[in-house]
C-alpha atoms as a PDB file:
ATOM      1  CA  UNK A   1      93.784 107.357  81.626  1.00  0.00           C
ATOM      2  CA  UNK A   2      92.156 106.235  84.812  1.00  0.00           C
ATOM      3  CA  UNK A   3      89.716 103.874  83.087  1.00  0.00           C
ATOM      4  CA  UNK A   4      92.449 102.098  81.164  1.00  0.00           C
ATOM      5  CA  UNK A   5      94.473 101.807  84.314  1.00  0.00           C
ATOM      6  CA  UNK A   6      91.548 100.256  86.126  1.00  0.00           C
ATOM      7  CA  UNK A   7      90.986  97.719  83.305  1.00  0.00           C
ATOM      8  CA  UNK A   8      94.653  96.774  83.290  1.00  0.00           C
ATOM      9  CA  UNK A   9      94.707  96.354  87.050  1.00  0.00           C
ATOM     10  CA  UNK A  10      91.634  94.172  86.892  1.00  0.00           C
ATOM     11  CA  UNK A  11      93.306  92.097  84.194  1.00  0.00           C
ATOM     12  CA  UNK A  12      96.583  91.846  86.217  1.00  0.00           C
ATOM     13  CA  UNK A  13      98.773  93.777  83.821  1.00  0.00           C
ATOM     14  CA  UNK A  14     101.236  96.554  84.615  1.00  0.00           C
ATOM     15  CA  UNK A  15     100.305 100.074  83.714  1.00  0.00           C
ATOM     16  CA  UNK A  16     101.927 101.440  80.585  1.00  0.00           C
ATOM     17  CA  UNK A  17     104.654 104.093  80.824  1.00  0.00           C
ATOM     18  CA  UNK A  18     103.693 107.654  80.307  1.00  0.00           C
ATOM     19  CA  UNK A  19     104.439 109.065  76.937  1.00  0.00           C
ATOM     20  CA  UNK A  20     107.333 111.444  76.441  1.00  0.00           C
ATOM     21  CA  UNK A  21     106.833 115.178  76.182  1.00  0.00           C
ATOM     22  CA  UNK A  22     107.800 114.940  72.505  1.00  0.00           C
ATOM     23  CA  UNK A  23     104.905 112.623  71.895  1.00  0.00           C
ATOM     24  CA  UNK A  24     102.652 115.054  73.714  1.00  0.00           C
ATOM     25  CA  UNK A  25     103.868 117.850  71.536  1.00  0.00           C
ATOM     26  CA  UNK A  26     103.262 115.734  68.426  1.00  0.00           C
ATOM     27  CA  UNK A  27      99.780 114.999  69.624  1.00  0.00           C
ATOM     28  CA  UNK A  28      99.221 118.679  70.287  1.00  0.00           C
ATOM     29  CA  UNK A  29     100.377 119.429  66.754  1.00  0.00           C
ATOM     30  CA  UNK A  30      98.008 116.761  65.428  1.00  0.00           C
ATOM     31  CA  UNK A  31      95.188 118.213  67.495  1.00  0.00           C
ATOM     32  CA  UNK A  32      95.801 121.591  65.912  1.00  0.00           C
ATOM     33  CA  UNK A  33      94.996 120.078  62.494  1.00  0.00           C
ATOM     34  CA  UNK A  34      91.330 119.908  61.458  1.00  0.00           C
ATOM     35  CA  UNK A  35      89.830 116.462  62.113  1.00  0.00           C
ATOM     36  CA  UNK A  36      86.914 114.913  60.189  1.00  0.00           C
ATOM     37  CA  UNK A  37      83.616 114.883  61.968  1.00  0.00           C
ATOM     38  CA  UNK A  38      82.519 111.531  63.388  1.00  0.00           C
ATOM     39  CA  UNK A  39      79.171 110.232  62.397  1.00  0.00           C
ATOM     40  CA  UNK A  40      78.693 108.060  65.489  1.00  0.00           C
ATOM     41  CA  UNK A  41      77.057 109.763  68.480  1.00  0.00           C
ATOM     42  CA  UNK A  42      79.381 110.556  71.375  1.00  0.00           C
ATOM     43  CA  UNK A  43      79.493 107.974  74.126  1.00  0.00           C
ATOM     44  CA  UNK A  44      79.077 109.118  77.681  1.00  0.00           C
ATOM     45  CA  UNK A  45      81.778 107.749  79.922  1.00  0.00           C
ATOM     46  CA  UNK A  46      80.408 106.289  83.106  1.00  0.00           C
ATOM     47  CA  UNK A  47      81.534 108.056  86.174  1.00  0.00           C
ATOM     48  CA  UNK A  48      83.269 105.903  88.638  1.00  0.00           C
ATOM     49  CA  UNK A  49      83.775 107.273  92.109  1.00  0.00           C
ATOM     50  CA  UNK A  50      87.391 107.735  92.954  1.00  0.00           C
ATOM     51  CA  UNK A  51      88.802 105.719  95.746  1.00  0.00           C
ATOM     52  CA  UNK A  52      86.180 102.900  95.375  1.00  0.00           C
ATOM     53  CA  UNK A  53      87.036  99.497  93.987  1.00  0.00           C
ATOM     54  CA  UNK A  54      85.010  98.413  90.929  1.00  0.00           C
ATOM     55  CA  UNK A  55      83.634  94.859  90.954  1.00  0.00           C
ATOM     56  CA  UNK A  56      83.476  93.778  87.335  1.00  0.00           C
ATOM     57  CA  UNK A  57      82.089  90.370  88.247  1.00  0.00           C
ATOM     58  CA  UNK A  58      79.143  92.062  89.804  1.00  0.00           C
ATOM     59  CA  UNK A  59      78.683  94.204  86.698  1.00  0.00           C
ATOM     60  CA  UNK A  60      78.871  91.121  84.455  1.00  0.00           C
ATOM     61  CA  UNK A  61      76.443  89.220  86.661  1.00  0.00           C
ATOM     62  CA  UNK A  62      73.975  92.078  86.683  1.00  0.00           C
ATOM     63  CA  UNK A  63      74.249  92.322  82.910  1.00  0.00           C
ATOM     64  CA  UNK A  64      73.569  88.580  82.563  1.00  0.00           C
ATOM     65  CA  UNK A  65      70.611  88.854  84.918  1.00  0.00           C
ATOM     66  CA  UNK A  66      69.284  91.728  82.869  1.00  0.00           C
ATOM     67  CA  UNK A  67      69.731  89.794  79.632  1.00  0.00           C
ATOM     68  CA  UNK A  68      68.092  86.757  81.194  1.00  0.00           C
ATOM     69  CA  UNK A  69      65.173  88.860  82.353  1.00  0.00           C
ATOM     70  CA  UNK A  70      64.742  90.322  78.881  1.00  0.00           C
ATOM     71  CA  UNK A  71      64.991  86.846  77.328  1.00  0.00           C
ATOM     72  CA  UNK A  72      62.373  85.480  79.716  1.00  0.00           C
ATOM     73  CA  UNK A  73      60.073  88.389  78.931  1.00  0.00           C
ATOM     74  CA  UNK A  74      60.548  87.760  75.199  1.00  0.00           C
ATOM     75  CA  UNK A  75      59.863  84.043  75.671  1.00  0.00           C
ATOM     76  CA  UNK A  76      56.735  84.785  77.688  1.00  0.00           C
ATOM     77  CA  UNK A  77      55.570  87.276  75.045  1.00  0.00           C
ATOM     78  CA  UNK A  78      56.258  84.667  72.332  1.00  0.00           C
ATOM     79  CA  UNK A  79      54.251  82.001  74.134  1.00  0.00           C
ATOM     80  CA  UNK A  80      51.430  84.451  74.788  1.00  0.00           C
ATOM     81  CA  UNK A  81      51.368  85.407  71.099  1.00  0.00           C
ATOM     82  CA  UNK A  82      51.508  81.750  70.127  1.00  0.00           C
ATOM     83  CA  UNK A  83      48.638  80.964  72.461  1.00  0.00           C
ATOM     84  CA  UNK A  84      46.621  83.811  70.986  1.00  0.00           C
ATOM     85  CA  UNK A  85      47.412  82.612  67.468  1.00  0.00           C
ATOM     86  CA  UNK A  86      46.349  79.077  68.353  1.00  0.00           C
ATOM     87  CA  UNK A  87      43.137  80.406  69.864  1.00  0.00           C
ATOM     88  CA  UNK A  88      42.458  82.439  66.730  1.00  0.00           C
ATOM     89  CA  UNK A  89      43.221  79.381  64.572  1.00  0.00           C
ATOM     90  CA  UNK A  90      40.848  77.206  66.600  1.00  0.00           C
ATOM     91  CA  UNK A  91      38.171  79.902  66.373  1.00  0.00           C
ATOM     92  CA  UNK A  92      38.705  80.132  62.612  1.00  0.00           C
ATOM     93  CA  UNK A  93      38.456  76.346  62.232  1.00  0.00           C
ATOM     94  CA  UNK A  94      35.291  76.299  64.320  1.00  0.00           C
ATOM     95  CA  UNK A  95      33.830  79.118  62.266  1.00  0.00           C
ATOM     96  CA  UNK A  96      34.672  77.287  59.038  1.00  0.00           C
ATOM     97  CA  UNK A  97      33.090  74.074  60.309  1.00  0.00           C
ATOM     98  CA  UNK A  98      30.023  75.963  61.442  1.00  0.00           C
ATOM     99  CA  UNK A  99      29.718  77.688  58.086  1.00  0.00           C
ATOM    100  CA  UNK A 100      30.150  74.353  56.305  1.00  0.00           C
ATOM    101  CA  UNK A 101      27.434  72.765  58.434  1.00  0.00           C
ATOM    102  CA  UNK A 102      25.124  75.725  57.790  1.00  0.00           C
ATOM    103  CA  UNK A 103      25.761  75.461  54.053  1.00  0.00           C
ATOM    104  CA  UNK A 104      25.058  71.722  54.093  1.00  0.00           C
ATOM    105  CA  UNK A 105      21.829  72.365  55.979  1.00  0.00           C
ATOM    106  CA  UNK A 106      20.838  75.058  53.490  1.00  0.00           C
ATOM    107  CA  UNK A 107      21.540  72.714  50.583  1.00  0.00           C
ATOM    108  CA  UNK A 108      19.500  69.958  52.227  1.00  0.00           C
ATOM    109  CA  UNK A 109      16.585  72.325  52.804  1.00  0.00           C
ATOM    110  CA  UNK A 110      16.862  73.588  49.241  1.00  0.00           C
ATOM    111  CA  UNK A 111      16.876  70.011  47.899  1.00  0.00           C
ATOM    112  CA  UNK A 112      13.792  69.156  49.965  1.00  0.00           C
ATOM    113  CA  UNK A 113      11.994  72.252  48.696  1.00  0.00           C
ATOM    114  CA  UNK A 114      12.920  71.396  45.100  1.00  0.00           C
ATOM    115  CA  UNK A 115      11.714  67.826  45.603  1.00  0.00           C
ATOM    116  CA  UNK A 116       8.414  69.067  47.014  1.00  0.00           C
ATOM    117  CA  UNK A 117       8.050  71.472  44.097  1.00  0.00           C
ATOM    118  CA  UNK A 118       8.660  68.696  41.576  1.00  0.00           C
ATOM    119  CA  UNK A 119       6.127  66.500  43.393  1.00  0.00           C
ATOM    120  CA  UNK A 120       3.545  69.302  43.288  1.00  0.00           C
ATOM    121  CA  UNK A 121       4.182  69.824  39.581  1.00  0.00           C
ATOM    122  CA  UNK A 122       3.798  66.092  38.915  1.00  0.00           C
ATOM    123  CA  UNK A 123       0.560  65.968  40.904  1.00  0.00           C
ATOM    124  CA  UNK A 124      -0.759  69.029  39.099  1.00  0.00           C
ATOM    125  CA  UNK A 125       0.127  67.525  35.717  1.00  0.00           C
ATOM    126  CA  UNK A 126      -1.527  64.213  36.601  1.00  0.00           C
ATOM    127  CA  UNK A 127      -4.616  66.028  37.845  1.00  0.00           C
ATOM    128  CA  UNK A 128      -4.858  68.051  34.628  1.00  0.00           C
ATOM    129  CA  UNK A 129      -4.448  64.897  32.537  1.00  0.00           C
ATOM    130  CA  UNK A 130      -7.193  63.167  34.514  1.00  0.00           C
ATOM    131  CA  UNK A 131      -9.485  66.168  34.073  1.00  0.00           C
ATOM    132  CA  UNK A 132      -8.780  66.260  30.334  1.00  0.00           C
ATOM    133  CA  UNK A 133      -9.430  62.522  30.036  1.00  0.00           C
ATOM    134  CA  UNK A 134     -12.669  62.881  31.995  1.00  0.00           C
ATOM    135  CA  UNK A 135     -13.760  65.775  29.777  1.00  0.00           C
ATOM    136  CA  UNK A 136     -12.973  63.784  26.641  1.00  0.00           C
ATOM    137  CA  UNK A 137     -14.917  60.811  27.969  1.00  0.00           C
ATOM    138  CA  UNK A 138     -17.879  63.042  28.780  1.00  0.00           C
ATOM    139  CA  UNK A 139     -17.763  64.585  25.316  1.00  0.00           C
ATOM    140  CA  UNK A 140     -17.513  61.162  23.668  1.00  0.00           C
ATOM    141  CA  UNK A 141     -20.421  59.913  25.739  1.00  0.00           C
ATOM    142  CA  UNK A 142     -22.497  62.954  24.759  1.00  0.00           C
ATOM    143  CA  UNK A 143     -21.629  62.484  21.083  1.00  0.00           C
ATOM    144  CA  UNK A 144     -22.487  58.780  21.217  1.00  0.00           C
ATOM    145  CA  UNK A 145     -25.749  59.532  22.955  1.00  0.00           C
ATOM    146  CA  UNK A 146     -26.654  62.211  20.429  1.00  0.00           C
ATOM    147  CA  UNK A 147     -25.707  59.890  17.558  1.00  0.00           C
ATOM    148  CA  UNK A 148     -27.770  57.073  19.057  1.00  0.00           C
ATOM    149  CA  UNK A 149     -30.781  59.335  19.465  1.00  0.00           C
ATOM    150  CA  UNK A 150     -30.390  60.613  15.923  1.00  0.00           C
ATOM    151  CA  UNK A 151     -30.067  57.061  14.599  1.00  0.00           C
ATOM    152  CA  UNK A 152     -33.145  55.979  16.499  1.00  0.00           C
ATOM    153  CA  UNK A 153     -35.078  58.944  15.181  1.00  0.00           C
ATOM    154  CA  UNK A 154     -33.922  58.271  11.643  1.00  0.00           C
ATOM    155  CA  UNK A 155     -34.707  54.585  12.036  1.00  0.00           C
ATOM    156  CA  UNK A 156     -38.188  55.398  13.248  1.00  0.00           C
ATOM    157  CA  UNK A 157     -38.776  57.780  10.358  1.00  0.00           C
ATOM    158  CA  UNK A 158     -37.432  55.222   7.903  1.00  0.00           C
ATOM    159  CA  UNK A 159     -39.656  52.510   9.320  1.00  0.00           C
ATOM    160  CA  UNK A 160     -42.663  54.785   9.085  1.00  0.00           C
ATOM    161  CA  UNK A 161     -41.809  55.621   5.498  1.00  0.00           C
ATOM    162  CA  UNK A 162     -41.301  51.944   4.686  1.00  0.00           C
ATOM    163  CA  UNK A 163     -44.629  51.156   6.303  1.00  0.00           C
ATOM    164  CA  UNK A 164     -46.317  53.797   4.211  1.00  0.00           C
ATOM    165  CA  UNK A 165     -44.692  52.804   0.937  1.00  0.00           C
ATOM    166  CA  UNK A 166     -44.860  49.099   1.570  1.00  0.00           C
ATOM    167  CA  UNK A 167     -42.661  46.598  -0.161  1.00  0.00           C
ATOM    168  CA  UNK A 168     -40.550  48.205  -2.849  1.00  0.00           C
ATOM    169  CA  UNK A 169     -38.297  46.783  -5.477  1.00  0.00           C
ATOM    170  CA  UNK A 170     -34.585  46.394  -4.997  1.00  0.00           C
ATOM    171  CA  UNK A 171     -32.472  49.076  -6.595  1.00  0.00           C
ATOM    172  CA  UNK A 172     -29.375  48.423  -8.654  1.00  0.00           C
ATOM    173  CA  UNK A 173     -27.178  49.446  -5.734  1.00  0.00           C
ATOM    174  CA  UNK A 174     -28.836  46.941  -3.416  1.00  0.00           C
ATOM    175  CA  UNK A 175     -28.539  44.228  -6.045  1.00  0.00           C
ATOM    176  CA  UNK A 176     -24.859  44.981  -6.418  1.00  0.00           C
ATOM    177  CA  UNK A 177     -24.359  44.813  -2.650  1.00  0.00           C
ATOM    178  CA  UNK A 178     -26.149  41.484  -2.509  1.00  0.00           C
ATOM    179  CA  UNK A 179     -24.064  40.035  -5.337  1.00  0.00           C
ATOM    180  CA  UNK A 180     -20.836  41.212  -3.717  1.00  0.00           C
ATOM    181  CA  UNK A 181     -21.913  39.755  -0.377  1.00  0.00           C
ATOM    182  CA  UNK A 182     -22.525  36.400  -2.085  1.00  0.00           C
ATOM    183  CA  UNK A 183     -19.148  36.522  -3.794  1.00  0.00           C
ATOM    184  CA  UNK A 184     -17.131  37.653  -0.778  1.00  0.00           C
ATOM    185  CA  UNK A 185     -17.174  34.465   1.193  1.00  0.00           C
ATOM    186  CA  UNK A 186     -14.936  33.931   4.242  1.00  0.00           C
ATOM    187  CA  UNK A 187     -11.803  31.863   3.672  1.00  0.00           C
ATOM    188  CA  UNK A 188     -12.176  29.523   6.681  1.00  0.00           C
ATOM    189  CA  UNK A 189      -8.557  28.371   6.504  1.00  0.00           C
ATOM    190  CA  UNK A 190      -7.702  28.329  10.217  1.00  0.00           C
ATOM    191  CA  UNK A 191      -7.974  24.535  10.422  1.00  0.00           C
ATOM    192  CA  UNK A 192      -6.122  23.765   7.158  1.00  0.00           C
ATOM    193  CA  UNK A 193      -2.593  22.399   6.907  1.00  0.00           C
ATOM    194  CA  UNK A 194       0.252  23.796   4.820  1.00  0.00           C
ATOM    195  CA  UNK A 195      -0.590  21.733   1.724  1.00  0.00           C
ATOM    196  CA  UNK A 196      -4.253  22.647   1.973  1.00  0.00           C
ATOM    197  CA  UNK A 197      -3.300  26.298   2.250  1.00  0.00           C
ATOM    198  CA  UNK A 198      -1.186  26.015  -0.910  1.00  0.00           C
ATOM    199  CA  UNK A 199      -4.098  24.382  -2.719  1.00  0.00           C
ATOM    200  CA  UNK A 200      -6.387  27.122  -1.477  1.00  0.00           C
ATOM    201  CA  UNK A 201      -3.929  29.764  -2.724  1.00  0.00           C
ATOM    202  CA  UNK A 202      -3.787  28.096  -6.158  1.00  0.00           C
ATOM    203  CA  UNK A 203      -7.571  27.937  -6.235  1.00  0.00           C
ATOM    204  CA  UNK A 204      -7.792  31.622  -5.388  1.00  0.00           C
ATOM    205  CA  UNK A 205      -5.206  32.361  -8.046  1.00  0.00           C
ATOM    206  CA  UNK A 206      -7.217  30.529 -10.707  1.00  0.00           C
ATOM    207  CA  UNK A 207     -10.382  32.232  -9.559  1.00  0.00           C
ATOM    208  CA  UNK A 208      -8.626  35.600  -9.765  1.00  0.00           C
ATOM    209  CA  UNK A 209      -7.450  34.850 -13.297  1.00  0.00           C
ATOM    210  CA  UNK A 210     -10.995  33.897 -14.237  1.00  0.00           C
ATOM    211  CA  UNK A 211     -12.349  37.147 -12.866  1.00  0.00           C
ATOM    212  CA  UNK A 212      -9.714  39.164 -14.692  1.00  0.00           C
ATOM    213  CA  UNK A 213     -10.510  37.344 -17.927  1.00  0.00           C
ATOM    214  CA  UNK A 214     -14.243  37.980 -17.480  1.00  0.00           C
ATOM    215  CA  UNK A 215     -13.538  41.616 -16.730  1.00  0.00           C
ATOM    216  CA  UNK A 216     -11.417  41.953 -19.842  1.00  0.00           C
ATOM    217  CA  UNK A 217     -14.025  40.201 -22.000  1.00  0.00           C
ATOM    218  CA  UNK A 218     -16.781  42.436 -20.684  1.00  0.00           C
ATOM    219  CA  UNK A 219     -14.737  45.570 -21.256  1.00  0.00           C
ATOM    220  CA  UNK A 220     -13.933  44.478 -24.821  1.00  0.00           C
ATOM    221  CA  UNK A 221     -17.579  43.612 -25.416  1.00  0.00           C
ATOM    222  CA  UNK A 222     -18.600  47.038 -24.181  1.00  0.00           C
ATOM    223  CA  UNK A 223     -16.050  48.712 -26.440  1.00  0.00           C
ATOM    224  CA  UNK A 224     -17.260  46.639 -29.400  1.00  0.00           C
ATOM    225  CA  UNK A 225     -20.875  47.571 -28.731  1.00  0.00           C
ATOM    226  CA  UNK A 226     -19.964  51.254 -28.543  1.00  0.00           C
ATOM    227  CA  UNK A 227     -18.012  50.953 -31.762  1.00  0.00           C
ATOM    228  CA  UNK A 228     -20.829  49.135 -33.562  1.00  0.00           C
ATOM    229  CA  UNK A 229     -23.318  51.724 -32.381  1.00  0.00           C
ATOM    230  CA  UNK A 230     -21.097  54.498 -33.647  1.00  0.00           C
ATOM    231  CA  UNK A 231     -20.561  52.735 -36.982  1.00  0.00           C
ATOM    232  CA  UNK A 232     -24.281  52.207 -37.321  1.00  0.00           C
ATOM    233  CA  UNK A 233     -24.949  55.881 -36.785  1.00  0.00           C
ATOM    234  CA  UNK A 234     -22.210  56.793 -39.250  1.00  0.00           C
ATOM    235  CA  UNK A 235     -23.572  54.232 -41.718  1.00  0.00           C
ATOM    236  CA  UNK A 236     -27.064  55.719 -41.573  1.00  0.00           C
ATOM    237  CA  UNK A 237     -25.673  59.166 -42.267  1.00  0.00           C
ATOM    238  CA  UNK A 238     -23.426  57.880 -45.026  1.00  0.00           C
ATOM    239  CA  UNK A 239     -26.373  56.029 -46.652  1.00  0.00           C
ATOM    240  CA  UNK A 240     -28.393  59.196 -46.936  1.00  0.00           C
ATOM    241  CA  UNK A 241     -25.414  60.971 -48.493  1.00  0.00           C
ATOM    242  CA  UNK A 242     -24.838  58.108 -50.963  1.00  0.00           C
ATOM    243  CA  UNK A 243     -28.434  58.222 -52.111  1.00  0.00           C
ATOM    244  CA  UNK A 244     -27.991  61.854 -53.016  1.00  0.00           C
ATOM    245  CA  UNK A 245     -24.415  61.842 -54.318  1.00  0.00           C
ATOM    246  CA  UNK A 246     -24.128  58.581 -56.236  1.00  0.00           C
ATOM    247  CA  UNK A 247     -21.785  55.742 -56.775  1.00  0.00           C
ATOM    248  CA  UNK A 248     -18.616  57.850 -56.766  1.00  0.00           C
ATOM    249  CA  UNK A 249     -19.227  58.983 -53.247  1.00  0.00           C
ATOM    250  CA  UNK A 250     -20.081  55.396 -52.306  1.00  0.00           C
ATOM    251  CA  UNK A 251     -16.678  54.226 -53.506  1.00  0.00           C
ATOM    252  CA  UNK A 252     -14.985  56.988 -51.523  1.00  0.00           C
ATOM    253  CA  UNK A 253     -17.018  56.042 -48.506  1.00  0.00           C
ATOM    254  CA  UNK A 254     -16.000  52.409 -48.903  1.00  0.00           C
ATOM    255  CA  UNK A 255     -12.325  53.359 -49.049  1.00  0.00           C
ATOM    256  CA  UNK A 256     -12.641  55.634 -46.045  1.00  0.00           C
ATOM    257  CA  UNK A 257     -14.507  52.995 -44.047  1.00  0.00           C
ATOM    258  CA  UNK A 258     -11.898  50.369 -44.882  1.00  0.00           C
ATOM    259  CA  UNK A 259      -9.080  52.696 -43.784  1.00  0.00           C
ATOM    260  CA  UNK A 260     -10.985  53.636 -40.633  1.00  0.00           C
ATOM    261  CA  UNK A 261     -11.657  49.972 -39.946  1.00  0.00           C
ATOM    262  CA  UNK A 262      -7.972  49.102 -40.357  1.00  0.00           C
ATOM    263  CA  UNK A 263      -6.810  51.968 -38.140  1.00  0.00           C
ATOM    264  CA  UNK A 264      -9.434  51.200 -35.559  1.00  0.00           C
ATOM    265  CA  UNK A 265      -8.398  47.543 -35.574  1.00  0.00           C
ATOM    266  CA  UNK A 266      -4.784  48.507 -34.857  1.00  0.00           C
ATOM    267  CA  UNK A 267      -5.842  50.875 -32.097  1.00  0.00           C
ATOM    268  CA  UNK A 268      -8.018  48.209 -30.505  1.00  0.00           C
ATOM    269  CA  UNK A 269      -5.178  45.693 -30.712  1.00  0.00           C
ATOM    270  CA  UNK A 270      -2.814  48.106 -28.918  1.00  0.00           C
ATOM    271  CA  UNK A 271      -5.438  48.819 -26.299  1.00  0.00           C
ATOM    272  CA  UNK A 272      -6.025  45.119 -25.805  1.00  0.00           C
ATOM    273  CA  UNK A 273      -2.304  44.459 -25.314  1.00  0.00           C
ATOM    274  CA  UNK A 274      -1.918  47.365 -22.872  1.00  0.00           C
ATOM    275  CA  UNK A 275      -5.033  46.393 -20.933  1.00  0.00           C
ATOM    276  CA  UNK A 276      -3.863  42.787 -20.823  1.00  0.00           C
ATOM    277  CA  UNK A 277      -0.468  43.828 -19.465  1.00  0.00           C
ATOM    278  CA  UNK A 278      -2.082  46.109 -16.898  1.00  0.00           C
ATOM    279  CA  UNK A 279      -4.506  43.361 -15.919  1.00  0.00           C
ATOM    280  CA  UNK A 280      -1.659  40.893 -15.464  1.00  0.00           C
ATOM    281  CA  UNK A 281       0.243  43.349 -13.335  1.00  0.00           C
ATOM    282  CA  UNK A 282      -2.767  44.064 -11.157  1.00  0.00           C
ATOM    283  CA  UNK A 283      -3.467  40.351 -10.879  1.00  0.00           C
ATOM    284  CA  UNK A 284       0.095  39.611  -9.808  1.00  0.00           C
ATOM    285  CA  UNK A 285      -0.004  42.402  -7.224  1.00  0.00           C
ATOM    286  CA  UNK A 286      -3.283  41.172  -5.784  1.00  0.00           C
ATOM    287  CA  UNK A 287      -2.030  37.598  -5.678  1.00  0.00           C
ATOM    288  CA  UNK A 288       1.166  38.615  -3.873  1.00  0.00           C
ATOM    289  CA  UNK A 289      -0.839  40.589  -1.317  1.00  0.00           C
ATOM    290  CA  UNK A 290      -3.222  37.684  -0.808  1.00  0.00           C
ATOM    291  CA  UNK A 291      -0.396  35.174  -0.347  1.00  0.00           C
ATOM    292  CA  UNK A 292       1.292  37.471   2.162  1.00  0.00           C
ATOM    293  CA  UNK A 293      -1.925  37.849   4.144  1.00  0.00           C
ATOM    294  CA  UNK A 294      -2.486  34.093   4.219  1.00  0.00           C
ATOM    295  CA  UNK A 295       1.120  33.403   5.191  1.00  0.00           C
ATOM    296  CA  UNK A 296       1.134  35.977   8.005  1.00  0.00           C
ATOM    297  CA  UNK A 297      -2.161  34.720   9.320  1.00  0.00           C
ATOM    298  CA  UNK A 298      -1.010  31.109   9.515  1.00  0.00           C
ATOM    299  CA  UNK A 299       2.432  32.024  10.753  1.00  0.00           C
ATOM    300  CA  UNK A 300       0.982  33.984  13.683  1.00  0.00           C
ATOM    301  CA  UNK A 301      -1.478  31.192  14.512  1.00  0.00           C
ATOM    302  CA  UNK A 302       1.370  28.634  14.502  1.00  0.00           C
ATOM    303  CA  UNK A 303      -0.106  26.282  11.910  1.00  0.00           C
ATOM    304  CA  UNK A 304       3.261  25.671  10.235  1.00  0.00           C
ATOM    305  CA  UNK A 305       5.067  24.651  13.419  1.00  0.00           C
END
């Protein structure tokens, strides 16, 4: 064809010989057979004017210029897109920084508000405590004043009554208080040394034993008096019965009294032993407490150093 001939001439090759008529007939026979349909779209053959010489260098140059123009446009579009992306990235970074600064400011303001709230709560609590303390002091002062007035009134009434009655005798309670006040003397051991303190403790121990012994003797004496009184009453009743009944009842009474006396003696002996044990225990406890008190007192004052 003409196009192939032009390409061969441009390449410097000789044109190919025309095919024989037999080949044309074979091609015609092949054309008569059904051909499969092509899926590619048909290409339009460019029309080249006859008689003009085609400059393929010019065509190639124009194609390169066109490709270069398209490449430059793509590069410019890429740089424009990149510039836009960088601008968006910078705007996003600025927005993030701004949001971070706003959040930090909000947190600072919130912390200041919380601090002020805590300060107000502390002030309110302190104020309430001061008011409560002031109220308690006022109430205590009122109570003390009322008690003082009542005591003064009672003292005045008592003095008036004493003035009316005059001098009266001491009661048993007052006597007991006076005796206890005489017995309860202060120790006065602040100036004593360690040996003197030990001697004082031994003296107190002996005095305590003496008191316990006196207490036990008095209790036994009281029990004996009660027992004798009871026996005397029983003896009076038994004597009247003996006068009426006779000697037989007297013998029975004698046996019964002897058995009662023996049993009562055993009971009293058991009581005496138990009371003695209890008294010893109480005495030991009191002595231990007293020694501890004396030791702590001198140890705190530094007398043993």
